[in-house]
Each structure stands twice: as C-alpha cells, then as structure tokens.
N, C-alpha and C. Protein backbone atom coordinates (compact mmCIF):
# COMPACT_ATOMS: atom_id res chain seq x y z
N MET A 1 12.66 0.63 9.77
CA MET A 1 11.53 0.22 8.95
C MET A 1 10.83 1.46 8.42
N LYS A 2 10.41 1.34 7.16
CA LYS A 2 9.63 2.41 6.55
C LYS A 2 8.21 1.90 6.33
N TYR A 3 7.31 2.86 6.12
CA TYR A 3 5.90 2.55 5.91
C TYR A 3 5.44 3.12 4.58
N TRP A 4 4.48 2.43 3.96
CA TRP A 4 4.03 2.77 2.61
C TRP A 4 2.53 2.55 2.50
N LEU A 5 2.00 2.90 1.33
CA LEU A 5 0.61 2.62 0.98
C LEU A 5 0.57 2.19 -0.47
N PHE A 6 -0.07 1.06 -0.73
CA PHE A 6 -0.29 0.55 -2.09
C PHE A 6 -1.77 0.69 -2.42
N LYS A 7 -2.06 1.32 -3.56
CA LYS A 7 -3.45 1.50 -3.99
C LYS A 7 -3.78 0.52 -5.10
N SER A 8 -4.97 -0.06 -5.03
CA SER A 8 -5.41 -0.98 -6.06
C SER A 8 -6.91 -0.83 -6.29
N GLU A 9 -7.30 -0.99 -7.53
CA GLU A 9 -8.71 -1.05 -7.86
C GLU A 9 -9.17 -2.46 -7.49
N PRO A 10 -10.15 -2.61 -6.61
CA PRO A 10 -10.51 -3.94 -6.14
C PRO A 10 -11.02 -4.88 -7.23
N ASN A 11 -11.52 -4.34 -8.33
CA ASN A 11 -11.95 -5.23 -9.43
C ASN A 11 -10.75 -5.76 -10.21
N ALA A 12 -9.58 -5.12 -10.06
CA ALA A 12 -8.36 -5.60 -10.73
C ALA A 12 -7.53 -6.47 -9.79
N TRP A 13 -7.36 -6.04 -8.54
CA TRP A 13 -6.63 -6.81 -7.51
C TRP A 13 -7.13 -6.34 -6.16
N SER A 14 -7.80 -7.21 -5.44
CA SER A 14 -8.43 -6.84 -4.19
C SER A 14 -7.64 -7.34 -2.98
N TRP A 15 -8.04 -6.88 -1.82
CA TRP A 15 -7.46 -7.37 -0.57
C TRP A 15 -7.62 -8.89 -0.50
N ASP A 16 -8.79 -9.41 -0.86
CA ASP A 16 -9.01 -10.86 -0.83
C ASP A 16 -8.06 -11.59 -1.77
N ASP A 17 -7.80 -11.00 -2.96
CA ASP A 17 -6.83 -11.59 -3.88
C ASP A 17 -5.45 -11.66 -3.23
N GLN A 18 -5.08 -10.56 -2.56
CA GLN A 18 -3.77 -10.50 -1.91
C GLN A 18 -3.67 -11.55 -0.81
N VAL A 19 -4.69 -11.66 0.02
CA VAL A 19 -4.70 -12.64 1.11
C VAL A 19 -4.58 -14.06 0.55
N ALA A 20 -5.26 -14.33 -0.57
CA ALA A 20 -5.25 -15.66 -1.16
C ALA A 20 -3.86 -16.09 -1.61
N LYS A 21 -2.96 -15.15 -1.84
CA LYS A 21 -1.59 -15.48 -2.25
C LYS A 21 -0.75 -16.01 -1.10
N GLY A 22 -1.22 -15.83 0.12
CA GLY A 22 -0.51 -16.37 1.28
C GLY A 22 0.89 -15.79 1.44
N ASN A 23 1.78 -16.60 2.02
CA ASN A 23 3.13 -16.13 2.33
C ASN A 23 4.02 -15.98 1.11
N ILE A 24 3.63 -16.56 -0.03
CA ILE A 24 4.46 -16.37 -1.22
C ILE A 24 4.33 -14.95 -1.76
N GLY A 25 3.20 -14.31 -1.46
CA GLY A 25 2.99 -12.94 -1.91
C GLY A 25 2.77 -12.85 -3.41
N GLU A 26 2.84 -11.61 -3.88
CA GLU A 26 2.59 -11.33 -5.30
C GLU A 26 3.34 -10.08 -5.68
N GLN A 27 3.84 -10.05 -6.92
CA GLN A 27 4.51 -8.83 -7.35
C GLN A 27 3.49 -7.72 -7.57
N TRP A 28 3.89 -6.51 -7.22
CA TRP A 28 3.03 -5.34 -7.39
C TRP A 28 3.37 -4.75 -8.75
N ASP A 29 2.84 -5.38 -9.78
CA ASP A 29 3.23 -5.05 -11.15
C ASP A 29 2.29 -4.05 -11.80
N GLY A 30 2.68 -3.62 -12.97
CA GLY A 30 1.84 -2.74 -13.77
C GLY A 30 1.96 -1.27 -13.44
N VAL A 31 2.85 -0.91 -12.51
CA VAL A 31 3.02 0.50 -12.15
C VAL A 31 3.80 1.19 -13.26
N ARG A 32 3.22 2.27 -13.78
CA ARG A 32 3.85 3.00 -14.88
C ARG A 32 3.93 4.49 -14.52
N ASN A 33 4.35 4.74 -13.33
CA ASN A 33 4.55 6.10 -12.83
C ASN A 33 5.92 6.12 -12.18
N TYR A 34 6.76 7.08 -12.59
CA TYR A 34 8.14 7.11 -12.10
C TYR A 34 8.23 7.32 -10.60
N GLN A 35 7.39 8.18 -10.05
CA GLN A 35 7.44 8.44 -8.62
C GLN A 35 7.07 7.18 -7.83
N ALA A 36 6.03 6.48 -8.26
CA ALA A 36 5.62 5.24 -7.60
C ALA A 36 6.72 4.18 -7.74
N ARG A 37 7.32 4.06 -8.92
CA ARG A 37 8.41 3.11 -9.11
C ARG A 37 9.59 3.44 -8.21
N ASN A 38 9.93 4.73 -8.14
CA ASN A 38 11.05 5.14 -7.29
C ASN A 38 10.77 4.85 -5.82
N ASN A 39 9.52 4.99 -5.41
CA ASN A 39 9.17 4.62 -4.04
C ASN A 39 9.43 3.13 -3.79
N MET A 40 9.09 2.29 -4.76
CA MET A 40 9.33 0.86 -4.61
C MET A 40 10.83 0.56 -4.54
N ARG A 41 11.63 1.30 -5.27
CA ARG A 41 13.08 1.11 -5.23
C ARG A 41 13.66 1.42 -3.84
N LEU A 42 12.96 2.24 -3.05
CA LEU A 42 13.42 2.60 -1.71
C LEU A 42 13.01 1.59 -0.64
N MET A 43 12.16 0.66 -1.00
CA MET A 43 11.64 -0.29 -0.02
C MET A 43 12.67 -1.33 0.37
N GLU A 44 12.54 -1.77 1.62
CA GLU A 44 13.41 -2.81 2.17
C GLU A 44 12.56 -3.99 2.61
N LEU A 45 13.16 -5.16 2.66
CA LEU A 45 12.44 -6.33 3.14
C LEU A 45 11.90 -6.07 4.54
N GLY A 46 10.65 -6.43 4.75
CA GLY A 46 10.02 -6.25 6.05
C GLY A 46 9.30 -4.92 6.23
N ASP A 47 9.50 -3.97 5.29
CA ASP A 47 8.73 -2.73 5.36
C ASP A 47 7.25 -3.08 5.31
N LEU A 48 6.44 -2.31 6.03
CA LEU A 48 5.00 -2.55 6.07
C LEU A 48 4.27 -1.48 5.26
N ALA A 49 3.10 -1.85 4.77
CA ALA A 49 2.31 -0.93 3.95
C ALA A 49 0.83 -1.16 4.15
N PHE A 50 0.08 -0.11 3.95
CA PHE A 50 -1.37 -0.22 3.91
C PHE A 50 -1.79 -0.70 2.53
N PHE A 51 -2.81 -1.54 2.49
CA PHE A 51 -3.42 -1.98 1.23
C PHE A 51 -4.73 -1.22 1.09
N TYR A 52 -4.80 -0.38 0.07
CA TYR A 52 -5.91 0.57 -0.09
C TYR A 52 -6.74 0.23 -1.32
N HIS A 53 -8.05 0.09 -1.13
CA HIS A 53 -8.98 -0.07 -2.25
C HIS A 53 -9.36 1.31 -2.78
N SER A 54 -9.08 1.55 -4.04
CA SER A 54 -9.43 2.84 -4.65
C SER A 54 -10.80 2.74 -5.34
N ILE A 55 -11.10 3.74 -6.14
CA ILE A 55 -12.32 3.88 -6.93
C ILE A 55 -13.54 4.09 -6.03
N LYS A 56 -14.37 3.08 -5.83
CA LYS A 56 -15.62 3.28 -5.08
C LYS A 56 -15.42 3.19 -3.56
N GLU A 57 -14.69 2.19 -3.09
CA GLU A 57 -14.57 1.97 -1.65
C GLU A 57 -13.72 3.03 -0.96
N LYS A 58 -12.59 3.35 -1.55
CA LYS A 58 -11.66 4.34 -1.02
C LYS A 58 -11.38 4.12 0.45
N CYS A 59 -10.79 2.95 0.76
CA CYS A 59 -10.47 2.67 2.16
C CYS A 59 -9.28 1.73 2.29
N ILE A 60 -8.63 1.83 3.45
CA ILE A 60 -7.52 0.96 3.79
C ILE A 60 -8.10 -0.33 4.34
N MET A 61 -7.75 -1.42 3.69
CA MET A 61 -8.32 -2.73 4.03
C MET A 61 -7.46 -3.55 4.97
N GLY A 62 -6.14 -3.35 4.90
CA GLY A 62 -5.27 -4.18 5.72
C GLY A 62 -3.82 -3.77 5.56
N VAL A 63 -2.95 -4.63 6.09
CA VAL A 63 -1.51 -4.39 6.09
C VAL A 63 -0.82 -5.48 5.29
N VAL A 64 0.16 -5.05 4.49
CA VAL A 64 1.00 -5.97 3.73
C VAL A 64 2.46 -5.72 4.09
N GLU A 65 3.30 -6.68 3.74
CA GLU A 65 4.73 -6.59 4.02
C GLU A 65 5.51 -6.78 2.72
N VAL A 66 6.57 -6.03 2.54
CA VAL A 66 7.44 -6.20 1.39
C VAL A 66 8.24 -7.49 1.59
N CYS A 67 8.08 -8.43 0.66
CA CYS A 67 8.75 -9.73 0.80
C CYS A 67 9.76 -10.00 -0.31
N ALA A 68 9.89 -9.09 -1.28
CA ALA A 68 10.95 -9.18 -2.29
C ALA A 68 11.27 -7.76 -2.73
N LEU A 69 12.57 -7.48 -2.82
CA LEU A 69 13.03 -6.14 -3.21
C LEU A 69 12.71 -5.85 -4.66
N ALA A 70 12.90 -4.59 -5.04
CA ALA A 70 12.61 -4.15 -6.41
C ALA A 70 13.33 -5.04 -7.42
N HIS A 71 12.58 -5.43 -8.44
CA HIS A 71 13.09 -6.30 -9.51
C HIS A 71 12.31 -5.96 -10.77
N PRO A 72 12.78 -6.43 -11.94
CA PRO A 72 12.06 -6.12 -13.18
C PRO A 72 10.60 -6.58 -13.12
N ASP A 73 9.72 -5.74 -13.62
CA ASP A 73 8.28 -6.04 -13.69
C ASP A 73 8.08 -7.05 -14.82
N SER A 74 7.56 -8.21 -14.49
CA SER A 74 7.40 -9.28 -15.48
C SER A 74 6.31 -9.01 -16.51
N THR A 75 5.53 -7.94 -16.32
CA THR A 75 4.45 -7.66 -17.25
C THR A 75 4.88 -6.77 -18.41
N THR A 76 6.19 -6.44 -18.47
CA THR A 76 6.69 -5.61 -19.56
C THR A 76 8.13 -5.97 -19.90
N ASP A 77 8.53 -5.70 -21.13
CA ASP A 77 9.92 -5.88 -21.54
C ASP A 77 10.70 -4.58 -21.38
N ASP A 78 10.05 -3.53 -20.96
CA ASP A 78 10.67 -2.22 -20.78
C ASP A 78 11.44 -2.21 -19.46
N ALA A 79 12.76 -2.11 -19.54
CA ALA A 79 13.63 -2.21 -18.36
C ALA A 79 13.45 -1.06 -17.37
N ARG A 80 12.73 -0.01 -17.75
CA ARG A 80 12.52 1.10 -16.81
C ARG A 80 11.60 0.74 -15.67
N TRP A 81 10.77 -0.30 -15.82
CA TRP A 81 9.73 -0.57 -14.85
C TRP A 81 10.08 -1.74 -13.95
N GLU A 82 10.01 -1.48 -12.66
CA GLU A 82 10.31 -2.46 -11.64
C GLU A 82 9.15 -2.55 -10.65
N CYS A 83 9.20 -3.57 -9.81
CA CYS A 83 8.17 -3.74 -8.79
C CYS A 83 8.77 -4.49 -7.61
N VAL A 84 8.04 -4.51 -6.52
CA VAL A 84 8.38 -5.32 -5.35
C VAL A 84 7.30 -6.39 -5.21
N ASP A 85 7.56 -7.36 -4.37
CA ASP A 85 6.55 -8.35 -4.02
C ASP A 85 6.05 -8.03 -2.62
N ILE A 86 4.76 -8.25 -2.41
CA ILE A 86 4.17 -8.01 -1.09
C ILE A 86 3.32 -9.21 -0.69
N LYS A 87 3.19 -9.39 0.63
CA LYS A 87 2.31 -10.44 1.16
C LYS A 87 1.42 -9.83 2.23
N ALA A 88 0.23 -10.37 2.36
CA ALA A 88 -0.72 -9.88 3.35
C ALA A 88 -0.23 -10.25 4.75
N VAL A 89 -0.40 -9.30 5.68
CA VAL A 89 -0.06 -9.53 7.08
C VAL A 89 -1.34 -9.67 7.90
N GLY A 90 -2.28 -8.75 7.71
CA GLY A 90 -3.53 -8.85 8.44
C GLY A 90 -4.52 -7.78 8.03
N PRO A 91 -5.82 -8.07 8.20
CA PRO A 91 -6.87 -7.12 7.84
C PRO A 91 -7.08 -6.07 8.92
N PHE A 92 -7.64 -4.95 8.53
CA PHE A 92 -8.10 -3.95 9.49
C PHE A 92 -9.44 -4.41 10.04
N PRO A 93 -9.60 -4.45 11.37
CA PRO A 93 -10.92 -4.77 11.91
C PRO A 93 -12.00 -3.81 11.40
N THR A 94 -11.64 -2.54 11.27
CA THR A 94 -12.53 -1.53 10.72
C THR A 94 -11.78 -0.79 9.61
N PRO A 95 -12.13 -1.01 8.33
CA PRO A 95 -11.44 -0.28 7.27
C PRO A 95 -11.49 1.23 7.50
N VAL A 96 -10.40 1.90 7.17
CA VAL A 96 -10.30 3.35 7.34
C VAL A 96 -10.49 4.00 5.97
N THR A 97 -11.51 4.85 5.86
CA THR A 97 -11.83 5.46 4.58
C THR A 97 -10.99 6.71 4.31
N LEU A 98 -10.96 7.10 3.05
CA LEU A 98 -10.30 8.34 2.67
C LEU A 98 -10.97 9.51 3.39
N ASP A 99 -12.28 9.49 3.50
CA ASP A 99 -12.99 10.56 4.23
C ASP A 99 -12.57 10.62 5.69
N ASP A 100 -12.35 9.44 6.32
CA ASP A 100 -11.85 9.41 7.70
C ASP A 100 -10.50 10.11 7.79
N CYS A 101 -9.63 9.81 6.84
CA CYS A 101 -8.29 10.42 6.83
C CYS A 101 -8.37 11.92 6.62
N LYS A 102 -9.22 12.35 5.69
CA LYS A 102 -9.35 13.78 5.42
C LYS A 102 -9.95 14.53 6.60
N ALA A 103 -10.78 13.85 7.39
CA ALA A 103 -11.43 14.50 8.52
C ALA A 103 -10.52 14.64 9.74
N ASP A 104 -9.43 13.89 9.75
CA ASP A 104 -8.53 13.93 10.90
C ASP A 104 -7.43 14.96 10.66
N GLU A 105 -7.45 16.01 11.44
CA GLU A 105 -6.49 17.12 11.28
C GLU A 105 -5.05 16.65 11.34
N ARG A 106 -4.78 15.59 12.09
CA ARG A 106 -3.41 15.07 12.22
C ARG A 106 -2.88 14.50 10.92
N LEU A 107 -3.76 14.19 9.97
CA LEU A 107 -3.37 13.57 8.70
C LEU A 107 -3.39 14.56 7.54
N LYS A 108 -3.49 15.85 7.83
CA LYS A 108 -3.62 16.84 6.75
C LYS A 108 -2.42 16.86 5.80
N GLY A 109 -1.26 16.44 6.24
CA GLY A 109 -0.08 16.42 5.38
C GLY A 109 0.17 15.08 4.71
N MET A 110 -0.68 14.10 4.96
CA MET A 110 -0.48 12.77 4.39
C MET A 110 -0.60 12.79 2.88
N VAL A 111 0.26 12.03 2.21
CA VAL A 111 0.25 11.98 0.75
C VAL A 111 -1.13 11.55 0.25
N LEU A 112 -1.73 10.54 0.88
CA LEU A 112 -3.05 10.06 0.45
C LEU A 112 -4.09 11.17 0.45
N VAL A 113 -4.04 12.04 1.42
CA VAL A 113 -4.99 13.13 1.53
C VAL A 113 -4.76 14.18 0.45
N ASN A 114 -3.50 14.35 0.05
CA ASN A 114 -3.15 15.42 -0.88
C ASN A 114 -2.88 14.97 -2.32
N ASN A 115 -2.67 13.68 -2.53
CA ASN A 115 -2.39 13.17 -3.87
C ASN A 115 -2.99 11.77 -3.98
N THR A 116 -4.28 11.72 -4.17
CA THR A 116 -4.98 10.43 -4.18
C THR A 116 -4.67 9.60 -5.43
N ARG A 117 -3.97 10.16 -6.39
CA ARG A 117 -3.70 9.42 -7.62
C ARG A 117 -2.42 8.58 -7.57
N LEU A 118 -1.48 8.91 -6.69
CA LEU A 118 -0.21 8.18 -6.63
C LEU A 118 -0.44 6.78 -6.08
N SER A 119 -0.06 5.76 -6.85
CA SER A 119 -0.42 4.38 -6.52
C SER A 119 0.48 3.72 -5.47
N VAL A 120 1.69 4.22 -5.30
CA VAL A 120 2.59 3.71 -4.26
C VAL A 120 3.18 4.93 -3.59
N GLN A 121 2.91 5.08 -2.30
CA GLN A 121 3.27 6.32 -1.63
C GLN A 121 3.82 6.06 -0.23
N PRO A 122 4.65 6.98 0.26
CA PRO A 122 5.18 6.83 1.62
C PRO A 122 4.15 7.23 2.66
N VAL A 123 4.32 6.66 3.85
CA VAL A 123 3.49 6.98 5.02
C VAL A 123 4.47 7.21 6.17
N THR A 124 4.30 8.28 6.92
CA THR A 124 5.18 8.52 8.05
C THR A 124 4.83 7.58 9.20
N ALA A 125 5.76 7.44 10.14
CA ALA A 125 5.51 6.59 11.31
C ALA A 125 4.32 7.12 12.12
N ALA A 126 4.21 8.44 12.23
CA ALA A 126 3.09 9.03 12.97
C ALA A 126 1.77 8.73 12.26
N GLU A 127 1.73 8.91 10.93
CA GLU A 127 0.51 8.61 10.17
C GLU A 127 0.15 7.13 10.30
N TRP A 128 1.17 6.28 10.26
CA TRP A 128 0.95 4.84 10.39
C TRP A 128 0.21 4.53 11.69
N GLN A 129 0.71 5.07 12.79
CA GLN A 129 0.12 4.77 14.10
C GLN A 129 -1.29 5.32 14.21
N ILE A 130 -1.51 6.53 13.70
CA ILE A 130 -2.84 7.13 13.76
C ILE A 130 -3.84 6.27 13.00
N ILE A 131 -3.49 5.85 11.80
CA ILE A 131 -4.41 5.06 10.98
C ILE A 131 -4.62 3.67 11.56
N CYS A 132 -3.56 3.05 12.08
CA CYS A 132 -3.73 1.75 12.74
C CYS A 132 -4.69 1.87 13.92
N ASP A 133 -4.54 2.93 14.69
CA ASP A 133 -5.46 3.16 15.82
C ASP A 133 -6.89 3.36 15.32
N MET A 134 -7.07 4.12 14.26
CA MET A 134 -8.40 4.38 13.71
C MET A 134 -9.08 3.08 13.27
N GLY A 135 -8.28 2.18 12.69
CA GLY A 135 -8.83 0.93 12.16
C GLY A 135 -8.84 -0.21 13.15
N GLY A 136 -8.33 0.03 14.37
CA GLY A 136 -8.29 -1.02 15.37
C GLY A 136 -7.26 -2.09 15.08
N TYR A 137 -6.23 -1.73 14.32
CA TYR A 137 -5.20 -2.69 13.93
C TYR A 137 -4.02 -2.58 14.88
N VAL A 138 -3.59 -3.72 15.42
CA VAL A 138 -2.41 -3.77 16.27
C VAL A 138 -1.29 -4.38 15.46
N THR A 139 -0.21 -3.61 15.24
CA THR A 139 0.92 -4.11 14.46
C THR A 139 1.52 -5.32 15.16
N LYS A 140 1.70 -6.37 14.39
CA LYS A 140 2.23 -7.61 14.96
C LYS A 140 3.73 -7.57 15.05
C-alpha cells in the first residue's frame, strides 16, 4: 500500500462534500499538473490518502481511499488528463495543520512541507504514521 495527500480548496470541494459522497466516492478531477497526474497514475485500489484543506485552513481533515484507478478526467476532452476516484474513510479527531507539520522535525522532508502547491503528492509510511498519531487517527 502507498500513501498520498490530496489538496482541495474547501470552498470548491470540502471534506464534508467528500463524506457526503459515501462509498461511491468521487473522481478527483480538474488536476492540470503533470506531476500530480503522474502521481494518480501510480495509485492502486485501496491506497490511503490524507484529505487536506488548502487556502485558509491549511490542515489535514481526514483519510480517503482510492476506489477507482486512473481514468480519463470527465471535465475535459483533453486525453492528457486523468484522475482517480476517492471515498472518505474517516475524519481526523484533531485536524493536523501545515504549521504542525512544519514544526515537527521528523516531517522536514515531507512534500507538503517543501512544496505546498502540489495538489496530489506522495506521503511516506513514516510520515503517514506520524501525522495519524498527531491527529489521533487510528488507521482502520
């Protein structure tokens, strides 16, 4: 299993919007960055990811699961763009902020800490466990 982080502006698509989709999930569309798209192409069914609110909140809200492999993004006719589908797994009891991540020396190499603009990014297993512990989240 691999771990990831999906960033979203909460006014465009929030954690609550994701939860409301239930087990059918939702495609993570609209990504127009090659690195983020390539990350989605590497995802496998069952991979877990953090759901991160960007802009003002800047915090990890919960965990999502990849429920459909990379496929054409339905929001464009341009064949270069693909997306995966994700479904909510569970909320963080205590959201973990970007400032929390930056303050933890163990996370100094994390992509989120060093490249806050990348919308779909990898997370190492060690980073995953540290952040889950910080947020009081127990992986199911």
